[in-house]
């Protein structure tokens, strides 16, 4: 949504902050809800990606069953 919604998620997948561009508040409720959901899902995906990347470097790229 053009950086209109920013979400910060911890490594434990807890939402730490949510920031809405003030101009977004002029939009309709459904659009705002959709933008928030997209931002949250993207933040969680980024946490997952970073976690996998860091675990891969720790395990030397070995595939350990049950880890992911």
Protein backbone atom coordinates (compact mmCIF):
# COMPACT_ATOMS: atom_id res chain seq x y z
CA UNK A 1 0.00 0.00 0.00
CA UNK A 2 2.79 2.45 -0.79
CA UNK A 3 4.20 2.28 2.74
CA UNK A 4 0.91 3.56 4.13
CA UNK A 5 0.92 0.77 6.73
CA UNK A 6 4.07 -0.27 8.58
CA UNK A 7 4.20 -3.26 10.93
CA UNK A 8 7.10 -4.39 13.11
CA UNK A 9 7.07 -8.05 14.14
CA UNK A 10 9.47 -9.71 16.59
CA UNK A 11 11.28 -13.00 15.99
CA UNK A 12 8.58 -14.61 18.12
CA UNK A 13 5.99 -13.30 15.61
CA UNK A 14 4.49 -10.80 18.02
CA UNK A 15 3.39 -7.47 16.60
CA UNK A 16 5.52 -4.78 18.23
CA UNK A 17 4.15 -1.75 16.42
CA UNK A 18 1.64 -0.69 13.80
CA UNK A 19 1.89 2.68 12.08
CA UNK A 20 -0.74 4.11 9.72
CA UNK A 21 -0.10 7.04 7.39
CA UNK A 22 -2.56 9.77 8.50
CA UNK A 23 -3.77 10.14 4.88
CA UNK A 24 -4.90 6.51 4.97
CA UNK A 25 -7.60 7.40 7.47
CA UNK A 26 -9.50 9.16 4.68
CA UNK A 27 -9.99 5.81 2.91
CA UNK A 28 -12.81 3.33 3.42
CA UNK A 29 -12.71 0.83 6.28
CA UNK A 30 -12.36 -2.30 4.11
CA UNK A 31 -9.36 -0.90 2.24
CA UNK A 32 -7.62 -0.01 5.50
CA UNK A 33 -8.29 -3.49 6.90
CA UNK A 34 -6.91 -5.11 3.74
CA UNK A 35 -3.75 -2.99 3.85
CA UNK A 36 -3.20 -3.85 7.51
CA UNK A 37 -3.61 -7.59 6.83
CA UNK A 38 -1.18 -7.45 3.90
CA UNK A 39 1.40 -5.54 5.97
CA UNK A 40 1.15 -8.01 8.88
CA UNK A 41 1.46 -11.04 6.59
CA UNK A 42 4.48 -9.51 4.80
CA UNK A 43 6.16 -8.79 8.14
CA UNK A 44 5.60 -12.38 9.33
CA UNK A 45 6.95 -13.75 6.04
CA UNK A 46 10.04 -11.58 6.46
CA UNK A 47 10.57 -12.93 10.00
CA UNK A 48 10.28 -16.50 8.66
CA UNK A 49 12.74 -15.77 5.87
CA UNK A 50 15.29 -14.21 8.20
CA UNK A 51 14.90 -17.09 10.69
CA UNK A 52 15.46 -19.71 7.98
CA UNK A 53 18.45 -17.79 6.66
CA UNK A 54 20.06 -17.55 10.11
CA UNK A 55 19.33 -21.20 10.95
CA UNK A 56 20.80 -22.24 7.60
CA UNK A 57 24.06 -20.52 8.44
CA UNK A 58 24.10 -22.17 11.89
CA UNK A 59 23.42 -25.67 10.57
CA UNK A 60 25.72 -25.32 7.57
CA UNK A 61 22.80 -25.90 5.20
CA UNK A 62 22.02 -29.34 6.64
CA UNK A 63 18.37 -30.32 6.48
CA UNK A 64 17.38 -31.24 10.03
CA UNK A 65 13.94 -32.94 10.09
CA UNK A 66 11.37 -31.16 12.21
CA UNK A 67 13.32 -27.91 12.36
CA UNK A 68 11.32 -26.21 9.58
